[in-house]
Structure formats: structure tokens, C-alpha cells
Amino acid sequence: MPASLIKFEGVSFRKFQHIVFPNTNWEMREGENWAIVGTNGSGKTTFLEAVEGRLLKVAGNVEYHLKDINGEVLSDSHKLIASVYFSDRSVNYGDFYYQQRYHATETDGIITVREFLGLNNGNTLPELDALDIRRLLDMEIIKLSNGQFKKMLIVKALLKKPRLLLLDNLYTGLDTRARVYISETIERIAGTGTQIIMAANNDTIPDTMTHIMEVDRFSVNQTLSRKSHISLHTTSGKQMPLPVLPEAPEKNFNVAVNLDHVTIRYNDTIVIDHVDWTIRHGERWSLMGPNGSGKSMLLSLVFADNPQAYANRITLFDRKRGTGESIWDIKDRIGFVSPEMHVYFGLNKTCREVVTSGLRENPYKYRPISQNDILFMETLFAYFSLKNLENELFQRISTGYQNIVLLIRALIKNPSMLVLDEPFQGIDTENIMLAKQLLDAFCENRTMIFVSHHPDELPSCINRHLYIKNGRVISN
């Protein structure tokens, strides 16, 4: 029988004020790779944290028998563990503000990709080229797209040459090419002696995984080998009654967005290259393209975050930028979600406070929160079966639930236009179905831009499409 690598014997852990994975017995042996599956909030990421030693053990026994490249068991086995989490805290985003990435003169003191990875000029790690990171080495990390940042974290973990690699929702935010390469990378490193435990969805389990663990309510539900795993979760197609939705704001514009030969550059790098794009009232657009293609940069122009808008011919809501409107006049009309937003909320905000903050983004205009606002918010929490999370601290809930809360935050504004940048990251299949059903109804008389790498995530109401690559429009 293969030797034991990690062993949990009657172990229980504490996370914040809760006991998680109580009285757990589990063992990982040499040659095994495990996929941890479950719905949002079931404890997938928490189990990875327990394996890594991030959680306080309150009962039972944990044994590590990880060996280094010389076959020696280290006294501190955690040095042989590397991890990539969906919501990585290795960079303190609290020191920055969201729009700072678009200001070329406000990045002093922010480390570059090269500094974050600790690389010299002669490093030959193949992942630098395969994941298209080498060309980004001298870029400040705050300017990376969501997908580029995720790939940088993967490279950081692989540079450690770990014996055990922990991966949390690895494919989230990566384009098709990167997902294919990551699958190949997992297969390659699994063949070199590195073993893997990954939190995953049932439809994204690589063939390299030999064992499956299903978790539910922060407990192990069952474990089984890959051979006996047919389907741990089949989508029920659950339909929830749609909540009562507010009427769309009165139509008072014809063109929501008009970009006329827009070009954005930083130093000698052209990020957006002569883009033309017109979005009329009531149109629902998908925006697609590879990681780093310029999608988020385009959205920064739409959401009035990018100062280079004034150097271009841009019209928002029938008004040319630079003719006296404030950025807050624009933001007031848009419900916005992005993959990076969740890290900019403080540690002490509850989910309710995060949602209602969407009503008070404008620092120059007081917006009272009405009973109708509260009722709509509570209706949306109930729709997603999240009433029990309203008063939980936002930073303590799962990243999938965080993204549902941020979607509710965008909707509560009752905006004229939704700008949703990969809003379904980390959200399980059933909740994606509920969100798509909700967006189809909500956007009946509204405008929307929806960014995703996955065509099956697009709501049915999408009726126009824009594809960009290397900052240029490929098709529309």
C-alpha cells in the first residue's frame, strides 16, 4: 500500500467563531490527487486551508509525511506546500483604491510582477512563456487583468517546486487557452512527484484527479475513487419564483456608449487600439476575448474610471465626456460588478452594508435608503436563499457568495445600465441558473454589458456581441 502523505484522525478545526469539519477522518497517500467538490458555501476552500495549516486545530490529530526532493521528511512539512486561492491575500489591496490601476502617475511604490515573483532576468521557468507572463514582468501588479493576476499566482506557486499543490477554483477567470494549458500543466507536474488537492466544480475535474471528496456544510459528506465517481452533483434545474422587480428608469437617452476610434496607451504600450463601439438603449452586449485583451480597460471607460477618456471621443448616455458631467453622474446610472471588487471592501462590513453601499457611491449627493430599497434587497437575498448571510461579515463568506452579494449590490441601484465583468466567478451551477433567470427579467428594458469567458454563462437576453484581442475589435 502506498505510504501516507497526510492523515486526519478525528480532527476538528475552528474558522472565525465556527467549528468546521468536525471529527474528520481522512487520508491522502502517495500517488493520489484529490478534487474537493460541493456547492457555494459548502467548505471547499476551507478544507484546503485546513490541509495547509491555516486553521486552528481544536481536536484530533493531523500527521504530515511530506518528503523533499532528497526523500527526507521535513520537520516543517508546510514548506513543501504551495497554494493558489481564488481570493488571494498576498497583496494588500487595502492600500490601493479601485481606479488607481488606470492612473499612470499613481503607481509609485506598487510592486511589479517581477518583484512579486522574486525573479531575475535569467529565469527560464516554462510557465512564464506558456502563461504569457514574461512580457508582464515589469508591469505593476495592480494593473493586471483578473486572468493575468491568477496566472501570476500559479507561476508563484510553481516556482516553489512544491511536494503538495493546493488549488482553489483554478479555472475561474482564465480564458480557453489558459485553461487548456493549466490542465496540461497539472498533468505534467502530477507526473513529476507533486501531488494536488484542488477545489473544483464537477464539470472542471481534470483527469489527473484520482479521488473525489464531496463536502457539505463544512463537513466531509463522502469520499470515493475517480473510477466510482460518475456524478456527485446533477443540476436540478431549480426554478425560483422571480422577485418583484422595480420598473426600469424612464428612458432619457438613446446611446448609452459610443467609442469613436478610441486608443488607450501607457508609455509605449497600446492597450486599446482604435476601437469603435456603439451601444444603444435596450441593447444587451456580451464582451469576450482572451485574458489581457483589453476588456476591463474598455469597461473602465464606460464606468468613468479611466482619465484617458478625456483624450478620446467618448459619449456616455448621449453626452460627450468632458462637457461638464462628473464621473458620479455616470456611475449613478450604472450597476457595476468586477472580479476585483470584493477585495476592496473592509473587514468589518456586513453583507447588508456592502449591498447598501451601492446606493451611496456618490460622495457629493446624499441618497437616503428607503424601505423599498430594503425590501428589494431582502427579496434578492431570499431569491438566492442567502437570508442567513445578510448580517455576516462580507469577508468571511465564500467567494462564490461574495460575488452573489456584489450582483445584488449592482441591482439594488435600479440602474439604467448593468456592466457585469465576469459576475459568475466562483458561483455554482445552480446559482448561475438563478442569476441568469433574474438578469433576463431585470434587463427587459435596460442596457447591459456582460463579460465572460464561457458562452454558456451568457443570459438569454444577450442580443449583441463584441470580441476583442490585443486591444482590437475582431468581430461584432
Protein backbone atom coordinates (compact mmCIF):
# COMPACT_ATOMS: atom_id res chain seq x y z
CA MET A 1 0.00 0.00 0.00
CA PRO A 2 1.36 3.49 -0.87
CA ALA A 3 2.76 5.47 2.05
CA SER A 4 0.61 8.00 3.88
CA LEU A 5 1.17 11.65 2.92
CA ILE A 6 -1.38 13.41 5.15
CA LYS A 7 -3.65 11.90 7.77
CA PHE A 8 -6.58 13.44 9.70
CA GLU A 9 -7.71 11.43 12.73
CA GLY A 10 -10.87 12.67 14.45
CA VAL A 11 -9.78 16.23 13.75
CA SER A 12 -11.88 19.38 14.15
CA PHE A 13 -10.92 22.93 13.19
CA ARG A 14 -12.02 26.45 14.09
CA LYS A 15 -12.59 29.17 11.49
CA PHE A 16 -13.52 32.50 13.00
CA GLN A 17 -16.12 31.59 15.63
CA HIS A 18 -17.27 28.35 13.94
CA ILE A 19 -16.19 24.73 14.29
CA VAL A 20 -15.60 23.31 10.81
CA PHE A 21 -15.00 19.77 9.57
CA PRO A 22 -15.76 18.27 12.99
CA ASN A 23 -14.42 14.81 13.82
CA THR A 24 -12.96 14.34 10.34
CA ASN A 25 -11.07 11.19 9.35
CA TRP A 26 -9.27 11.36 6.02
CA GLU A 27 -6.04 10.17 4.50
CA MET A 28 -4.10 11.10 1.37
CA ARG A 29 -1.49 8.63 0.13
CA GLU A 30 1.40 8.87 -2.30
CA GLY A 31 0.25 8.93 -5.90
CA GLU A 32 -3.19 10.33 -5.09
CA ASN A 33 -4.64 13.63 -6.33
CA TRP A 34 -7.88 14.85 -4.78
CA ALA A 35 -10.71 17.04 -6.10
CA ILE A 36 -12.90 18.69 -3.44
CA VAL A 37 -16.42 19.39 -4.76
CA GLY A 38 -19.54 20.97 -3.32
CA THR A 39 -21.92 23.91 -3.71
CA ASN A 40 -21.18 27.54 -2.79
CA GLY A 41 -20.53 27.85 0.93
CA SER A 42 -20.04 24.11 1.43
CA GLY A 43 -16.44 24.44 2.65
CA LYS A 44 -14.22 23.57 -0.32
CA THR A 45 -11.77 26.42 0.24
CA THR A 46 -11.92 25.92 4.00
CA PHE A 47 -10.81 22.30 3.61
CA LEU A 48 -7.77 23.47 1.61
CA GLU A 49 -6.99 25.95 4.40
CA ALA A 50 -7.21 23.12 6.93
CA VAL A 51 -4.77 20.99 4.92
CA GLU A 52 -2.37 23.91 4.60
CA GLY A 53 -2.42 24.55 8.33
CA ARG A 54 -4.14 27.94 8.14
CA LEU A 55 -6.88 26.93 10.62
CA LEU A 56 -6.70 26.32 14.35
CA LYS A 57 -6.98 22.62 15.20
CA VAL A 58 -9.20 22.17 18.27
CA ALA A 59 -9.42 18.36 18.44
CA GLY A 60 -7.89 15.23 16.95
CA ASN A 61 -4.57 14.66 15.25
CA VAL A 62 -3.03 15.71 11.93
CA GLU A 63 0.06 13.97 10.54
CA TYR A 64 2.21 15.13 7.62
CA HIS A 65 4.71 12.86 5.91
CA LEU A 66 5.79 15.10 3.04
CA LYS A 67 9.26 14.39 1.66
CA ASP A 68 11.65 16.80 -0.03
CA ILE A 69 13.49 16.08 -3.28
CA ASN A 70 16.04 14.04 -1.33
CA GLY A 71 13.34 11.79 0.11
CA GLU A 72 13.68 13.30 3.61
CA VAL A 73 10.64 14.10 5.77
CA LEU A 74 10.97 17.72 6.92
CA SER A 75 10.13 18.75 10.46
CA ASP A 76 8.18 21.64 8.94
CA SER A 77 6.27 19.96 6.13
CA HIS A 78 4.41 23.18 5.31
CA LYS A 79 7.50 24.41 3.48
CA LEU A 80 6.69 21.78 0.86
CA ILE A 81 3.13 23.05 0.32
CA ALA A 82 2.21 25.79 -2.19
CA SER A 83 -1.27 27.16 -2.78
CA VAL A 84 -3.30 29.30 -5.17
CA TYR A 85 -6.55 30.66 -3.77
CA PHE A 86 -9.43 32.29 -5.62
CA SER A 87 -9.21 35.32 -3.33
CA ASP A 88 -5.51 35.72 -2.69
CA ARG A 89 -4.41 38.00 0.15
CA SER A 90 -0.71 38.01 -0.65
CA VAL A 91 -1.20 41.57 -1.93
CA ASN A 92 -2.73 44.12 0.41
CA TYR A 93 -5.30 45.79 -1.84
CA GLY A 94 -6.48 47.79 1.13
CA ASP A 95 -3.59 50.19 0.45
CA PHE A 96 -4.99 50.99 -3.00
CA TYR A 97 -8.23 52.30 -4.44
CA TYR A 98 -10.00 50.59 -7.33
CA GLN A 99 -9.49 53.25 -10.03
CA GLN A 100 -5.76 53.58 -9.28
CA ARG A 101 -4.84 50.96 -11.89
CA TYR A 102 -5.90 53.35 -14.66
CA HIS A 103 -3.79 56.31 -13.48
CA ALA A 104 -0.32 56.08 -14.99
CA THR A 105 1.15 58.54 -12.48
CA GLU A 106 -0.23 56.94 -9.31
CA THR A 107 1.61 53.63 -9.18
CA ASP A 108 4.74 54.64 -7.26
CA GLY A 109 5.52 52.10 -4.55
CA ILE A 110 3.41 49.34 -6.11
CA ILE A 111 5.48 46.23 -6.77
CA THR A 112 5.89 44.76 -10.22
CA VAL A 113 5.20 41.20 -11.33
CA ARG A 114 8.94 40.51 -11.35
CA GLU A 115 9.29 41.72 -7.75
CA PHE A 116 6.24 39.77 -6.60
CA LEU A 117 7.63 36.57 -8.13
CA GLY A 118 11.18 37.27 -6.93
CA LEU A 119 12.63 36.65 -10.39
CA ASN A 120 15.90 37.66 -12.00
CA ASN A 121 16.37 38.26 -15.70
CA GLY A 122 17.67 34.77 -16.41
CA ASN A 123 14.78 32.71 -15.09
CA THR A 124 13.70 30.01 -17.55
CA LEU A 125 10.54 28.65 -15.91
CA PRO A 126 8.46 27.41 -18.89
CA GLU A 127 5.20 28.64 -17.36
CA LEU A 128 6.40 32.25 -17.81
CA ASP A 129 6.01 31.84 -21.56
CA ALA A 130 3.17 29.32 -21.66
CA LEU A 131 1.00 31.50 -19.40
CA ASP A 132 2.14 34.70 -21.19
CA ILE A 133 3.65 36.19 -18.02
CA ARG A 134 7.17 37.03 -19.21
CA ARG A 135 6.02 40.13 -21.12
CA LEU A 136 4.27 41.37 -17.96
CA LEU A 137 7.24 41.10 -15.60
CA ASP A 138 7.84 44.84 -15.33
CA MET A 139 4.17 45.79 -15.00
CA GLU A 140 2.76 46.88 -11.63
CA ILE A 141 0.58 44.07 -10.30
CA ILE A 142 -2.38 46.37 -9.70
CA LYS A 143 -2.63 46.86 -13.49
CA LEU A 144 -3.03 43.16 -14.27
CA SER A 145 -6.34 41.88 -15.50
CA ASN A 146 -8.12 39.33 -13.36
CA GLY A 147 -6.94 36.44 -15.53
CA GLN A 148 -3.37 37.73 -15.69
CA PHE A 149 -3.26 38.07 -11.90
CA LYS A 150 -4.48 34.49 -11.49
CA LYS A 151 -1.82 33.18 -13.87
CA MET A 152 0.83 35.12 -11.95
CA LEU A 153 -0.25 33.36 -8.74
CA ILE A 154 0.02 29.99 -10.46
CA VAL A 155 3.58 30.80 -11.54
CA LYS A 156 4.39 31.93 -7.98
CA ALA A 157 3.22 28.57 -6.60
CA LEU A 158 5.13 26.54 -9.19
CA LEU A 159 8.36 28.46 -8.50
CA LYS A 160 8.26 26.96 -5.00
CA LYS A 161 8.55 23.46 -6.57
CA PRO A 162 6.11 22.08 -4.00
CA ARG A 163 5.54 18.49 -2.95
CA LEU A 164 1.85 19.30 -2.45
CA LEU A 165 -0.02 21.90 -4.50
CA LEU A 166 -3.38 23.29 -3.30
CA LEU A 167 -5.57 24.90 -5.96
CA ASP A 168 -8.80 26.79 -5.25
CA ASN A 169 -11.19 27.07 -8.23
CA LEU A 170 -8.20 27.20 -10.53
CA TYR A 171 -10.04 27.71 -13.82
CA THR A 172 -12.03 30.73 -12.66
CA GLY A 173 -11.24 33.84 -14.69
CA LEU A 174 -8.95 32.09 -17.19
CA ASP A 175 -9.53 32.14 -20.93
CA THR A 176 -9.84 28.97 -23.00
CA ARG A 177 -6.15 28.82 -23.96
CA ALA A 178 -5.03 29.24 -20.36
CA ARG A 179 -7.47 26.59 -19.08
CA VAL A 180 -6.16 24.09 -21.63
CA TYR A 181 -2.58 24.85 -20.67
CA ILE A 182 -3.33 24.66 -16.94
CA SER A 183 -4.88 21.22 -17.43
CA GLU A 184 -1.73 20.14 -19.26
CA THR A 185 0.41 21.69 -16.50
CA ILE A 186 -1.49 19.80 -13.80
CA GLU A 187 -0.94 16.57 -15.70
CA ARG A 188 2.75 17.36 -16.16
CA ILE A 189 3.52 18.31 -12.55
CA ALA A 190 1.49 15.37 -11.24
CA GLY A 191 3.87 13.16 -13.18
CA THR A 192 6.93 14.69 -11.52
CA GLY A 193 6.06 13.81 -7.93
CA THR A 194 4.00 16.86 -6.95
CA GLN A 195 0.58 15.86 -5.68
CA ILE A 196 -2.50 18.02 -5.94
CA ILE A 197 -5.62 18.83 -3.94
CA MET A 198 -8.00 21.16 -5.74
CA ALA A 199 -11.38 22.70 -5.04
CA ALA A 200 -13.39 22.31 -8.23
CA ASN A 201 -16.79 22.07 -9.84
CA ASN A 202 -17.95 18.70 -11.08
CA ASP A 203 -17.55 19.79 -14.71
CA THR A 204 -13.95 21.00 -14.26
CA ILE A 205 -12.24 18.00 -12.66
CA PRO A 206 -9.03 17.15 -14.56
CA ASP A 207 -8.43 13.53 -15.49
CA THR A 208 -5.36 13.60 -13.23
CA MET A 209 -7.56 13.60 -10.12
CA THR A 210 -7.69 10.08 -8.69
CA HIS A 211 -10.08 10.69 -5.78
CA ILE A 212 -13.13 12.86 -5.13
CA MET A 213 -14.32 14.34 -1.85
CA GLU A 214 -17.79 15.84 -1.55
CA VAL A 215 -18.17 18.44 1.19
CA ASP A 216 -21.37 19.95 2.55
CA ARG A 217 -21.93 22.43 5.39
CA PHE A 218 -18.25 22.31 6.31
CA SER A 219 -18.23 18.55 6.77
CA VAL A 220 -16.99 15.68 4.62
CA ASN A 221 -20.04 14.09 3.02
CA GLN A 222 -18.33 11.23 1.19
CA THR A 223 -15.05 10.25 -0.44
CA LEU A 224 -14.57 7.85 -3.33
CA SER A 225 -12.15 6.96 -6.07
CA ARG A 226 -12.34 8.56 -9.51
CA LYS A 227 -13.32 5.23 -11.05
CA SER A 228 -16.50 5.06 -8.99
CA HIS A 229 -17.31 8.72 -9.46
CA ILE A 230 -19.97 9.16 -12.12
CA SER A 231 -21.73 12.29 -10.93
CA LEU A 232 -21.78 13.69 -7.44
CA HIS A 233 -24.00 16.56 -8.45
CA THR A 234 -26.55 16.86 -11.22
CA THR A 235 -28.18 20.20 -11.77
CA SER A 236 -31.78 20.08 -10.69
CA GLY A 237 -32.76 22.98 -12.90
CA LYS A 238 -34.36 24.55 -9.84
CA GLN A 239 -36.59 27.48 -10.72
CA MET A 240 -37.30 30.07 -8.07
CA PRO A 241 -40.23 32.46 -8.41
CA LEU A 242 -38.83 35.73 -9.68
CA PRO A 243 -38.86 38.55 -7.12
CA VAL A 244 -40.97 41.63 -7.76
CA LEU A 245 -38.65 43.86 -9.76
CA PRO A 246 -38.71 47.67 -9.89
CA GLU A 247 -39.67 49.34 -13.13
CA ALA A 248 -36.74 50.41 -15.24
CA PRO A 249 -35.84 54.11 -15.07
CA GLU A 250 -37.58 56.27 -17.64
CA LYS A 251 -35.78 56.25 -20.97
CA ASN A 252 -33.84 59.52 -21.20
CA PHE A 253 -31.03 58.57 -23.57
CA ASN A 254 -30.67 56.92 -26.94
CA VAL A 255 -26.99 55.95 -26.96
CA ALA A 256 -25.56 54.54 -23.74
CA VAL A 257 -22.00 54.24 -25.07
CA ASN A 258 -20.22 55.48 -28.17
CA LEU A 259 -16.48 54.91 -28.56
CA ASP A 260 -15.15 56.59 -31.70
CA HIS A 261 -11.68 55.35 -32.72
CA VAL A 262 -10.64 55.14 -29.07
CA THR A 263 -6.99 54.45 -28.29
CA ILE A 264 -5.51 53.94 -24.81
CA ARG A 265 -1.77 53.74 -24.25
CA TYR A 266 0.56 53.58 -21.27
CA ASN A 267 4.06 54.72 -22.14
CA ASP A 268 4.84 52.83 -25.35
CA THR A 269 2.21 50.13 -24.88
CA ILE A 270 -1.08 50.39 -26.76
CA VAL A 271 -3.79 48.70 -24.70
CA ILE A 272 -6.85 49.75 -26.73
CA ASP A 273 -6.25 50.23 -30.44
CA HIS A 274 -8.73 52.36 -32.45
CA VAL A 275 -11.89 50.76 -31.10
CA ASP A 276 -15.33 51.76 -32.41
CA TRP A 277 -18.32 50.58 -30.36
CA THR A 278 -21.86 51.89 -30.08
CA ILE A 279 -24.35 50.58 -27.51
CA ARG A 280 -27.93 51.82 -27.84
CA HIS A 281 -30.64 51.89 -25.23
CA GLY A 282 -32.04 48.42 -24.56
CA GLU A 283 -29.18 46.52 -26.20
CA ARG A 284 -27.56 43.71 -24.21
CA TRP A 285 -23.97 43.02 -25.26
CA SER A 286 -21.52 40.26 -24.49
CA LEU A 287 -17.87 41.32 -24.40
CA MET A 288 -15.42 38.48 -24.88
CA GLY A 289 -11.73 37.96 -25.53
CA PRO A 290 -8.56 36.37 -24.08
CA ASN A 291 -7.03 37.36 -20.74
CA GLY A 292 -5.32 40.74 -21.13
CA SER A 293 -7.11 41.57 -24.39
CA GLY A 294 -8.44 44.90 -23.07
CA LYS A 295 -11.94 44.01 -21.86
CA SER A 296 -11.59 45.56 -18.41
CA MET A 297 -9.88 48.60 -19.91
CA LEU A 298 -12.89 49.19 -22.15
CA LEU A 299 -15.17 48.90 -19.13
CA SER A 300 -13.05 51.45 -17.26
CA LEU A 301 -14.01 53.95 -19.98
CA VAL A 302 -17.69 53.06 -19.73
CA PHE A 303 -17.72 53.29 -15.92
CA ALA A 304 -15.81 56.61 -15.95
CA ASP A 305 -12.76 55.25 -14.11
CA ASN A 306 -10.15 55.97 -16.76
CA PRO A 307 -8.83 59.56 -17.13
CA GLN A 308 -7.75 58.86 -20.71
CA ALA A 309 -11.42 59.10 -21.66
CA TYR A 310 -10.94 62.87 -21.94
CA ALA A 311 -8.28 62.42 -24.61
CA ASN A 312 -10.67 60.37 -26.77
CA ARG A 313 -14.04 60.77 -28.46
CA ILE A 314 -16.37 59.05 -26.00
CA THR A 315 -20.07 59.60 -25.43
CA LEU A 316 -21.94 58.16 -22.44
CA PHE A 317 -25.71 58.48 -22.10
CA ASP A 318 -25.91 60.92 -25.05
CA ARG A 319 -23.30 63.24 -23.54
CA LYS A 320 -19.72 63.65 -24.73
CA ARG A 321 -17.13 63.14 -21.99
CA GLY A 322 -15.54 66.37 -20.86
CA THR A 323 -18.59 68.61 -21.35
CA GLY A 324 -19.27 69.23 -17.67
CA GLU A 325 -20.63 65.94 -16.39
CA SER A 326 -18.99 64.35 -13.34
CA ILE A 327 -17.89 60.76 -13.05
CA TRP A 328 -20.57 60.36 -10.37
CA ASP A 329 -23.31 61.44 -12.78
CA ILE A 330 -22.25 58.46 -14.91
CA LYS A 331 -21.75 55.98 -12.08
CA ASP A 332 -25.19 56.79 -10.65
CA ARG A 333 -26.75 55.27 -13.78
CA ILE A 334 -24.69 52.07 -13.86
CA GLY A 335 -24.78 48.90 -11.77
CA PHE A 336 -21.23 47.54 -11.81
CA VAL A 337 -19.56 44.23 -10.88
CA SER A 338 -15.93 43.25 -11.42
CA PRO A 339 -13.76 40.29 -10.31
CA GLU A 340 -11.55 42.53 -8.17
CA MET A 341 -14.27 44.39 -6.26
CA HIS A 342 -14.54 42.00 -3.32
CA VAL A 343 -11.00 42.75 -2.08
CA TYR A 344 -11.71 46.48 -1.74
CA PHE A 345 -14.35 46.13 0.98
CA GLY A 346 -13.13 46.42 4.57
CA LEU A 347 -13.03 43.56 7.03
CA ASN A 348 -15.85 44.93 9.17
CA LYS A 349 -18.62 45.40 6.60
CA THR A 350 -21.62 43.08 6.71
CA CYS A 351 -23.21 41.78 3.51
CA ARG A 352 -26.12 44.23 4.01
CA GLU A 353 -23.67 47.11 4.34
CA VAL A 354 -21.83 46.06 1.18
CA VAL A 355 -25.11 45.95 -0.75
CA THR A 356 -26.42 49.29 0.51
CA SER A 357 -23.04 50.94 -0.19
CA GLY A 358 -24.03 50.66 -3.83
CA LEU A 359 -26.72 53.27 -3.16
CA ARG A 360 -24.24 55.73 -1.71
CA GLU A 361 -21.27 55.68 -4.08
CA ASN A 362 -21.67 59.36 -4.90
CA PRO A 363 -19.81 61.33 -2.20
CA TYR A 364 -21.45 64.60 -3.32
CA LYS A 365 -25.09 63.53 -3.20
CA TYR A 366 -26.82 62.08 -0.15
CA ARG A 367 -29.07 59.19 -1.09
CA PRO A 368 -31.43 58.06 1.69
CA ILE A 369 -32.05 54.32 1.82
CA SER A 370 -35.79 53.79 1.51
CA GLN A 371 -38.00 50.99 2.73
CA ASN A 372 -38.43 49.95 -0.91
CA ASP A 373 -34.64 49.62 -1.21
CA ILE A 374 -34.53 47.44 1.90
CA LEU A 375 -37.44 45.31 0.69
CA PHE A 376 -35.82 44.79 -2.72
CA MET A 377 -32.50 43.85 -1.11
CA GLU A 378 -34.14 41.35 1.24
CA THR A 379 -36.14 39.92 -1.66
CA LEU A 380 -32.93 39.34 -3.63
CA PHE A 381 -31.18 37.70 -0.67
CA ALA A 382 -34.21 35.40 -0.29
CA TYR A 383 -34.22 34.62 -4.03
CA PHE A 384 -30.68 33.23 -3.73
CA SER A 385 -31.52 31.54 -0.37
CA LEU A 386 -28.98 33.76 1.41
CA LYS A 387 -31.17 35.38 4.09
CA ASN A 388 -28.94 33.86 6.77
CA LEU A 389 -25.92 35.75 5.40
CA GLU A 390 -27.32 39.30 5.45
CA ASN A 391 -25.62 40.19 8.72
CA GLU A 392 -22.49 38.07 8.23
CA LEU A 393 -19.22 39.86 7.61
CA PHE A 394 -18.67 40.05 3.87
CA GLN A 395 -15.02 38.98 4.02
CA ARG A 396 -15.93 35.83 5.97
CA ILE A 397 -18.30 34.28 3.45
CA SER A 398 -17.24 32.16 0.49
CA THR A 399 -16.05 33.92 -2.65
CA GLY A 400 -18.98 32.48 -4.60
CA TYR A 401 -21.41 34.03 -2.13
CA GLN A 402 -19.41 37.29 -2.18
CA ASN A 403 -20.00 37.55 -5.92
CA ILE A 404 -23.74 36.97 -5.49
CA VAL A 405 -23.77 39.77 -2.89
CA LEU A 406 -21.94 42.07 -5.34
CA LEU A 407 -24.52 41.24 -8.03
CA ILE A 408 -27.30 42.19 -5.58
CA ARG A 409 -25.38 45.41 -4.89
CA ALA A 410 -25.42 46.27 -8.60
CA LEU A 411 -29.14 45.51 -8.97
CA ILE A 412 -30.34 47.43 -5.89
CA LYS A 413 -29.43 50.72 -7.61
CA ASN A 414 -32.16 50.04 -10.19
CA PRO A 415 -29.71 51.31 -12.83
CA SER A 416 -30.30 52.21 -16.44
CA MET A 417 -27.36 50.00 -17.45
CA LEU A 418 -25.59 46.99 -15.95
CA VAL A 419 -21.86 46.49 -16.53
CA LEU A 420 -21.02 42.99 -15.32
CA ASP A 421 -17.39 41.90 -15.63
CA GLU A 422 -17.24 38.13 -15.09
CA PRO A 423 -20.02 38.27 -12.46
CA PHE A 424 -20.37 34.50 -12.10
CA GLN A 425 -16.82 33.71 -10.98
CA GLY A 426 -16.86 31.07 -8.25
CA ILE A 427 -20.65 30.73 -8.35
CA ASP A 428 -22.01 27.19 -8.62
CA THR A 429 -24.16 25.96 -11.50
CA GLU A 430 -27.49 26.21 -9.72
CA ASN A 431 -26.95 29.80 -8.59
CA ILE A 432 -25.74 30.76 -12.08
CA MET A 433 -29.04 29.49 -13.45
CA LEU A 434 -30.94 31.60 -10.91
CA ALA A 435 -28.82 34.66 -11.73
CA LYS A 436 -29.36 34.27 -15.49
CA GLN A 437 -33.10 33.95 -14.97
CA LEU A 438 -33.07 37.10 -12.83
CA LEU A 439 -30.97 39.10 -15.32
CA ASP A 440 -33.21 38.11 -18.23
CA ALA A 441 -36.19 39.61 -16.40
CA PHE A 442 -34.36 42.61 -14.93
CA CYS A 443 -32.86 43.69 -18.27
CA GLU A 444 -36.06 43.59 -20.27
CA ASN A 445 -35.98 47.40 -20.65
CA ARG A 446 -32.38 48.03 -19.65
CA THR A 447 -28.96 48.09 -21.28
CA MET A 448 -26.24 45.61 -20.32
CA ILE A 449 -22.61 44.71 -20.99
CA PHE A 450 -21.74 41.18 -19.84
CA VAL A 451 -18.15 39.89 -19.81
CA SER A 452 -17.41 36.17 -19.62
CA HIS A 453 -15.01 33.53 -20.95
CA HIS A 454 -17.84 31.00 -21.03
CA PRO A 455 -20.58 31.30 -23.69
CA ASP A 456 -22.89 29.09 -21.63
CA GLU A 457 -22.89 31.75 -18.87
CA LEU A 458 -24.48 34.38 -21.10
CA PRO A 459 -28.08 35.26 -20.18
CA SER A 460 -30.63 34.60 -22.91
CA CYS A 461 -31.36 38.31 -23.24
CA ILE A 462 -27.91 38.99 -24.79
CA ASN A 463 -28.57 40.18 -28.34
CA ARG A 464 -25.25 41.69 -29.47
CA HIS A 465 -21.62 40.52 -29.26
CA LEU A 466 -18.17 42.13 -29.31
CA TYR A 467 -14.93 40.13 -29.40
CA ILE A 468 -11.57 41.81 -28.87
CA LYS A 469 -7.99 40.59 -28.98
CA ASN A 470 -4.81 42.55 -28.29
CA GLY A 471 -6.91 45.68 -27.80
CA ARG A 472 -8.54 45.50 -31.22
CA VAL A 473 -12.09 44.58 -32.25
CA ILE A 474 -12.04 41.22 -34.05
CA SER A 475 -15.79 40.85 -34.58
CA ASN A 476 -19.09 42.36 -33.59
